[in-house]
């Protein structure tokens, strides 16, 4: 998922998407441990997706703090 697509989503959507991807990552790790994972690069892809989501969430948090400081 691209960063531009993530920026369009609300914070609650991002949090739920992050939880979903973490669940997928967990299942991929279990498959890898059991030797059933066909494409190991999926692990890296999911980790990067989680990092992108966390980055966008943090950017939104910082923007909200700056907006609150300008008002107050």
N, C-alpha and C. Protein backbone atom coordinates (compact mmCIF):
# COMPACT_ATOMS: atom_id res chain seq x y z
N UNK A 1 0.83 -1.17 0.00
CA UNK A 1 0.00 0.00 0.00
C UNK A 1 0.89 1.25 0.00
N UNK A 2 0.54 2.18 -0.83
CA UNK A 2 1.35 3.39 -0.98
C UNK A 2 1.05 4.38 0.14
N UNK A 3 2.01 5.24 0.42
CA UNK A 3 1.89 6.22 1.48
C UNK A 3 0.76 7.21 1.18
N UNK A 4 0.60 7.59 -0.06
CA UNK A 4 -0.46 8.53 -0.43
C UNK A 4 -1.84 7.95 -0.09
N UNK A 5 -2.01 6.65 -0.30
CA UNK A 5 -3.27 5.99 0.05
C UNK A 5 -3.48 5.98 1.56
N UNK A 6 -2.40 5.80 2.29
CA UNK A 6 -2.50 5.75 3.74
C UNK A 6 -2.84 7.12 4.31
N UNK A 7 -2.31 8.17 3.72
CA UNK A 7 -2.57 9.53 4.22
C UNK A 7 -4.03 9.93 4.06
N UNK A 8 -4.72 9.32 3.12
CA UNK A 8 -6.13 9.63 2.90
C UNK A 8 -7.04 9.00 3.95
N UNK A 9 -6.56 7.99 4.64
CA UNK A 9 -7.37 7.27 5.62
C UNK A 9 -7.38 7.99 6.96
N UNK A 10 -8.42 7.74 7.75
CA UNK A 10 -8.51 8.33 9.08
C UNK A 10 -7.62 7.54 10.05
N UNK A 11 -7.43 8.11 11.22
CA UNK A 11 -6.58 7.46 12.21
C UNK A 11 -7.16 6.13 12.66
N UNK A 12 -8.47 6.06 12.83
CA UNK A 12 -9.07 4.80 13.27
C UNK A 12 -8.94 3.72 12.19
N UNK A 13 -9.04 4.12 10.92
CA UNK A 13 -8.85 3.16 9.84
C UNK A 13 -7.41 2.66 9.81
N UNK A 14 -6.47 3.56 10.06
CA UNK A 14 -5.06 3.17 10.07
C UNK A 14 -4.75 2.21 11.21
N UNK A 15 -5.33 2.48 12.38
CA UNK A 15 -5.10 1.61 13.54
C UNK A 15 -5.66 0.21 13.27
N UNK A 16 -6.85 0.14 12.69
CA UNK A 16 -7.43 -1.17 12.40
C UNK A 16 -6.66 -1.89 11.30
N UNK A 17 -6.17 -1.15 10.31
CA UNK A 17 -5.36 -1.74 9.25
C UNK A 17 -4.05 -2.27 9.82
N UNK A 18 -3.45 -1.52 10.74
CA UNK A 18 -2.21 -1.96 11.37
C UNK A 18 -2.44 -3.27 12.14
N UNK A 19 -3.53 -3.36 12.87
CA UNK A 19 -3.84 -4.59 13.62
C UNK A 19 -4.05 -5.77 12.67
N UNK A 20 -4.71 -5.51 11.56
CA UNK A 20 -4.95 -6.56 10.57
C UNK A 20 -3.63 -7.08 9.99
N UNK A 21 -2.75 -6.16 9.63
CA UNK A 21 -1.47 -6.55 9.03
C UNK A 21 -0.59 -7.25 10.06
N UNK A 22 -0.66 -6.82 11.32
CA UNK A 22 0.10 -7.51 12.35
C UNK A 22 -0.36 -8.96 12.50
N UNK A 23 -1.67 -9.17 12.38
CA UNK A 23 -2.20 -10.54 12.42
C UNK A 23 -1.70 -11.37 11.25
N UNK A 24 -1.68 -10.76 10.08
CA UNK A 24 -1.16 -11.45 8.90
C UNK A 24 0.32 -11.77 9.07
N UNK A 25 1.07 -10.83 9.63
CA UNK A 25 2.50 -11.05 9.86
C UNK A 25 2.72 -12.19 10.83
N UNK A 26 1.89 -12.26 11.86
CA UNK A 26 2.01 -13.34 12.83
C UNK A 26 1.78 -14.70 12.15
N UNK A 27 0.76 -14.78 11.32
CA UNK A 27 0.48 -16.05 10.64
C UNK A 27 1.60 -16.41 9.66
N UNK A 28 2.18 -15.39 9.01
CA UNK A 28 3.31 -15.66 8.12
C UNK A 28 4.52 -16.17 8.90
N UNK A 29 4.75 -15.59 10.08
CA UNK A 29 5.87 -16.05 10.90
C UNK A 29 5.66 -17.50 11.35
N UNK A 30 4.43 -17.85 11.68
CA UNK A 30 4.14 -19.23 12.07
C UNK A 30 4.36 -20.19 10.90
N UNK A 31 3.91 -19.79 9.72
CA UNK A 31 4.13 -20.62 8.54
C UNK A 31 5.62 -20.78 8.26
N UNK A 32 6.38 -19.69 8.43
CA UNK A 32 7.82 -19.75 8.22
C UNK A 32 8.47 -20.70 9.21
N UNK A 33 8.05 -20.62 10.46
CA UNK A 33 8.59 -21.48 11.50
C UNK A 33 8.30 -22.95 11.19
N UNK A 34 7.09 -23.22 10.67
CA UNK A 34 6.69 -24.59 10.37
C UNK A 34 7.25 -25.08 9.04
N UNK A 35 7.87 -24.18 8.28
CA UNK A 35 8.44 -24.55 7.00
C UNK A 35 7.43 -24.60 5.88
N UNK A 36 6.31 -23.93 6.03
CA UNK A 36 5.25 -23.97 5.02
C UNK A 36 5.17 -22.68 4.20
N UNK A 37 5.97 -21.70 4.52
CA UNK A 37 5.91 -20.42 3.83
C UNK A 37 6.62 -20.52 2.49
N UNK A 38 5.90 -20.18 1.42
CA UNK A 38 6.47 -20.29 0.08
C UNK A 38 7.29 -19.06 -0.30
N UNK A 39 6.79 -17.87 0.07
CA UNK A 39 7.44 -16.63 -0.33
C UNK A 39 7.90 -15.88 0.91
N UNK A 40 9.15 -15.97 1.25
CA UNK A 40 9.69 -15.37 2.47
C UNK A 40 9.70 -13.85 2.39
N UNK A 41 9.69 -13.29 1.20
CA UNK A 41 9.71 -11.84 1.06
C UNK A 41 8.41 -11.20 1.56
N UNK A 42 7.36 -11.99 1.73
CA UNK A 42 6.11 -11.46 2.29
C UNK A 42 6.32 -10.93 3.70
N UNK A 43 7.22 -11.54 4.45
CA UNK A 43 7.52 -11.06 5.81
C UNK A 43 8.04 -9.63 5.76
N UNK A 44 8.97 -9.38 4.86
CA UNK A 44 9.56 -8.05 4.72
C UNK A 44 8.51 -7.03 4.27
N UNK A 45 7.65 -7.44 3.36
CA UNK A 45 6.60 -6.56 2.84
C UNK A 45 5.65 -6.14 3.94
N UNK A 46 5.24 -7.09 4.78
CA UNK A 46 4.31 -6.79 5.88
C UNK A 46 4.96 -5.88 6.91
N UNK A 47 6.23 -6.13 7.23
CA UNK A 47 6.94 -5.28 8.19
C UNK A 47 7.02 -3.84 7.69
N UNK A 48 7.29 -3.67 6.41
CA UNK A 48 7.39 -2.33 5.84
C UNK A 48 6.03 -1.64 5.82
N UNK A 49 4.98 -2.41 5.58
CA UNK A 49 3.64 -1.83 5.58
C UNK A 49 3.29 -1.32 6.97
N UNK A 50 3.64 -2.07 8.00
CA UNK A 50 3.40 -1.65 9.38
C UNK A 50 4.19 -0.38 9.68
N UNK A 51 5.43 -0.33 9.24
CA UNK A 51 6.27 0.85 9.47
C UNK A 51 5.68 2.08 8.77
N UNK A 52 5.16 1.91 7.56
CA UNK A 52 4.55 3.03 6.84
C UNK A 52 3.33 3.54 7.59
N UNK A 53 2.51 2.61 8.08
CA UNK A 53 1.30 3.01 8.81
C UNK A 53 1.68 3.77 10.07
N UNK A 54 2.67 3.27 10.81
CA UNK A 54 3.10 3.95 12.03
C UNK A 54 3.65 5.33 11.72
N UNK A 55 4.36 5.47 10.62
CA UNK A 55 4.91 6.76 10.22
C UNK A 55 3.79 7.75 9.92
N UNK A 56 2.79 7.33 9.19
CA UNK A 56 1.68 8.22 8.84
C UNK A 56 0.91 8.60 10.10
N UNK A 57 0.69 7.64 11.00
CA UNK A 57 0.01 7.94 12.26
C UNK A 57 0.78 8.99 13.06
N UNK A 58 2.08 8.86 13.11
CA UNK A 58 2.91 9.81 13.84
C UNK A 58 2.87 11.19 13.18
N UNK A 59 2.89 11.23 11.87
CA UNK A 59 2.81 12.51 11.16
C UNK A 59 1.49 13.21 11.46
N UNK A 60 0.41 12.44 11.50
CA UNK A 60 -0.90 13.02 11.82
C UNK A 60 -0.94 13.52 13.26
N UNK A 61 -0.30 12.79 14.16
CA UNK A 61 -0.24 13.21 15.56
C UNK A 61 0.53 14.52 15.70
N UNK A 62 1.64 14.64 15.02
CA UNK A 62 2.45 15.87 15.07
C UNK A 62 1.67 17.03 14.48
N UNK A 63 0.98 16.80 13.36
CA UNK A 63 0.19 17.85 12.73
C UNK A 63 -0.92 18.32 13.67
N UNK A 64 -1.54 17.41 14.40
CA UNK A 64 -2.60 17.77 15.34
C UNK A 64 -2.03 18.59 16.49
N UNK A 65 -0.84 18.24 16.95
CA UNK A 65 -0.21 18.99 18.04
C UNK A 65 0.12 20.40 17.58
N UNK A 66 0.63 20.55 16.39
CA UNK A 66 0.96 21.88 15.86
C UNK A 66 -0.29 22.73 15.68
N UNK A 67 -1.37 22.10 15.24
CA UNK A 67 -2.64 22.82 15.06
C UNK A 67 -3.17 23.28 16.43
N UNK A 68 -3.01 22.45 17.45
CA UNK A 68 -3.47 22.80 18.79
C UNK A 68 -2.64 23.95 19.37
N UNK A 69 -1.35 23.97 19.06
CA UNK A 69 -0.50 25.05 19.56
C UNK A 69 -0.83 26.38 18.89
N UNK A 70 -1.20 26.36 17.64
CA UNK A 70 -1.55 27.60 16.94
C UNK A 70 -2.85 28.18 17.48
N UNK A 71 -3.77 27.31 17.85
CA UNK A 71 -5.05 27.77 18.38
C UNK A 71 -4.88 28.31 19.79
N UNK A 72 -4.09 27.59 20.60
CA UNK A 72 -3.93 27.95 22.01
C UNK A 72 -2.92 28.96 22.25
